Structure formats: C-alpha cells, structure tokens
Amino acid sequence: MFKLILSDNTEIPVSNGSTLFDIMVEPARYSSMWNHLTESNLKRVRLVLENGDLLDQKENLVVDSEYSFRENEFVKCHFYLREKTEVELLREQVAALTAELGVHDGAIADMGEAISSLAEEGGNI
C-alpha cells in the first residue's frame, strides 16, 4: 500500500500502482479524498511507501479530473492531478502582488491622514 502525504501532513492510504498524477483510492475513501484535495494541500505532495520511502514528490498540483467506474464487481476511483501551468502560477503571483499593494496603499493612506492631523493641530512632524 502507498500513502499520499499532502502539504498539511495528512496521510491518505492509496492503492498500489498510484502515481502523483493518477491516485487510486478505495470507494470508502472517496469522500475523504475530495475533502483533502484543496489548493493549499496540493502545494507539496509526496507519494511514499508504507515504510516511508519516498517514491515521488511534486509541488503546485491541481485536481484535473476524477473518474470512478465499475470493473467486474469492484468500483475503482481515480483522482487525476496535474502540475499548474505557468499561466496559472503567474496569475497567482499577480493576485498576491495586487493584494500586497492594497495593504501598502492602505498603510500609506493611514500615514498620510496621521501626518495631516498632526499638521492641522500644529504639531511637529
């Protein structure tokens, strides 16, 4: 049996033959798997053997698709992951920079108001 270790250190048993791009789980683990496959949990993902030996690790993965089907009398559940594209990574960087600039703009506005208040009161700047 393999284990998938997510960014938050959650360990999820996965079926033998799984890769980081094709994760196979038992139907009983399906719902739990969906709950754990969040953007923050997929920032760093490792696939290890039960004894802890590392098989593979990747960063910045996303869920590409899910596919469940019946084969003979067994249900098989696959979660397909992929690496984020350069465009997706750049969009995240732009969003983070935009948010940071908003914080700076607010701080500068607050400082300007404080200085104006001091000047109006005749205080030293």
Protein backbone atom coordinates (compact mmCIF):
# COMPACT_ATOMS: atom_id res chain seq x y z
CA MET A 1 0.00 0.00 0.00
CA PHE A 2 1.17 3.55 -0.76
CA LYS A 3 0.47 6.75 1.16
CA LEU A 4 -0.19 10.19 -0.23
CA ILE A 5 1.16 12.92 2.05
CA LEU A 6 -0.31 16.37 1.49
CA SER A 7 1.07 19.80 2.43
CA ASP A 8 -0.73 19.77 5.79
CA ASN A 9 0.89 16.35 6.51
CA THR A 10 -2.39 14.48 6.08
CA GLU A 11 -1.59 10.89 5.12
CA ILE A 12 -4.05 9.12 2.86
CA PRO A 13 -3.66 5.43 2.01
CA VAL A 14 -3.85 4.93 -1.75
CA SER A 15 -3.86 1.81 -3.89
CA ASN A 16 -0.70 0.23 -5.23
CA GLY A 17 0.01 1.42 -8.73
CA SER A 18 -0.92 5.00 -7.89
CA THR A 19 1.23 7.85 -9.13
CA LEU A 20 1.11 11.53 -8.22
CA PHE A 21 -0.84 12.12 -11.41
CA ASP A 22 -3.23 9.13 -11.08
CA ILE A 23 -4.24 8.50 -7.48
CA MET A 24 -6.35 5.42 -6.93
CA VAL A 25 -8.39 5.07 -3.74
CA GLU A 26 -10.88 2.62 -2.34
CA PRO A 27 -14.52 3.77 -2.71
CA ALA A 28 -14.77 4.13 1.08
CA ARG A 29 -12.05 6.82 0.96
CA TYR A 30 -13.60 8.75 -1.92
CA SER A 31 -15.37 11.46 0.09
CA SER A 32 -12.44 11.96 2.44
CA MET A 33 -10.10 12.27 -0.54
CA TRP A 34 -12.22 15.06 -2.08
CA ASN A 35 -12.23 16.94 1.22
CA HIS A 36 -8.43 16.89 1.40
CA LEU A 37 -7.62 17.80 -2.21
CA THR A 38 -7.61 21.55 -1.58
CA GLU A 39 -5.38 24.12 -3.23
CA SER A 40 -3.34 24.60 -0.06
CA ASN A 41 -2.96 20.83 0.47
CA LEU A 42 -1.68 20.36 -3.08
CA LYS A 43 1.17 22.86 -2.78
CA ARG A 44 3.54 20.00 -1.94
CA VAL A 45 2.52 16.37 -2.39
CA ARG A 46 4.54 13.24 -1.71
CA LEU A 47 3.88 9.61 -2.60
CA VAL A 48 5.58 7.21 -0.20
CA LEU A 49 5.65 3.52 0.57
CA GLU A 50 4.13 2.36 3.86
CA ASN A 51 7.64 2.28 5.37
CA GLY A 52 8.10 5.97 4.49
CA ASP A 53 10.41 5.57 1.47
CA LEU A 54 9.78 8.42 -0.96
CA LEU A 55 8.56 7.39 -4.41
CA ASP A 56 7.83 10.83 -5.85
CA GLN A 57 7.06 14.40 -4.88
CA LYS A 58 5.73 17.41 -6.73
CA GLU A 59 4.70 20.97 -5.98
CA ASN A 60 1.80 23.11 -7.14
CA LEU A 61 -0.61 20.40 -8.24
CA VAL A 62 -4.30 20.78 -9.06
CA VAL A 63 -7.13 18.30 -9.49
CA ASP A 64 -7.59 17.83 -13.21
CA SER A 65 -10.44 15.32 -13.06
CA GLU A 66 -11.97 12.39 -11.23
CA TYR A 67 -13.20 9.16 -12.70
CA SER A 68 -15.00 6.30 -10.95
CA PHE A 69 -16.15 3.17 -12.70
CA ARG A 70 -17.17 -0.43 -12.09
CA GLU A 71 -14.82 -3.14 -13.25
CA ASN A 72 -16.21 -6.63 -12.71
CA GLU A 73 -17.59 -6.46 -9.16
CA PHE A 74 -15.22 -3.71 -8.00
CA VAL A 75 -15.62 0.06 -8.09
CA LYS A 76 -12.42 1.92 -8.90
CA CYS A 77 -11.89 5.59 -8.08
CA HIS A 78 -9.20 7.67 -9.73
CA PHE A 79 -8.21 11.26 -9.00
CA TYR A 80 -6.11 12.78 -11.74
CA LEU A 81 -3.75 15.56 -10.73
CA ARG A 82 -1.56 17.76 -12.87
CA GLU A 83 1.05 20.42 -12.34
CA LYS A 84 -0.14 24.01 -12.55
CA THR A 85 0.68 25.72 -15.81
CA GLU A 86 2.96 28.75 -15.99
CA VAL A 87 -0.09 30.90 -16.67
CA GLU A 88 -1.84 29.63 -13.52
CA LEU A 89 1.29 30.27 -11.43
CA LEU A 90 1.67 33.77 -12.88
CA ARG A 91 -1.98 34.57 -12.14
CA GLU A 92 -1.43 33.54 -8.52
CA GLN A 93 1.65 35.76 -8.30
CA VAL A 94 -0.22 38.73 -9.77
CA ALA A 95 -3.11 38.19 -7.33
CA ALA A 96 -0.69 38.03 -4.39
CA LEU A 97 1.14 41.17 -5.51
CA THR A 98 -2.15 43.00 -6.03
CA ALA A 99 -3.29 42.08 -2.51
CA GLU A 100 0.07 43.19 -1.08
CA LEU A 101 -0.15 46.52 -2.93
CA GLY A 102 -3.61 47.05 -1.49
CA VAL A 103 -2.20 46.64 2.02
CA HIS A 104 0.61 49.10 1.24
CA ASP A 105 -1.84 51.60 -0.27
CA GLY A 106 -3.94 51.44 2.89
CA ALA A 107 -0.90 51.93 5.13
CA ILE A 108 0.28 54.93 3.08
CA ALA A 109 -3.21 56.48 3.23
CA ASP A 110 -3.32 55.95 7.02
CA MET A 111 0.12 57.55 7.41
CA GLY A 112 -0.95 60.50 5.25
CA GLU A 113 -4.04 61.06 7.40
CA ALA A 114 -1.96 60.90 10.59
CA ILE A 115 0.54 63.43 9.25
CA SER A 116 -2.25 65.75 8.09
CA SER A 117 -3.88 65.56 11.52
CA LEU A 118 -0.61 66.43 13.22
CA ALA A 119 -0.02 69.34 10.84
CA GLU A 120 -3.54 70.69 11.42
CA GLU A 121 -3.01 70.52 15.19
CA GLY A 122 0.24 72.43 14.82
CA GLY A 123 2.33 69.52 16.00
CA ASN A 124 5.82 68.70 14.89
CA ILE A 125 6.20 66.20 12.14
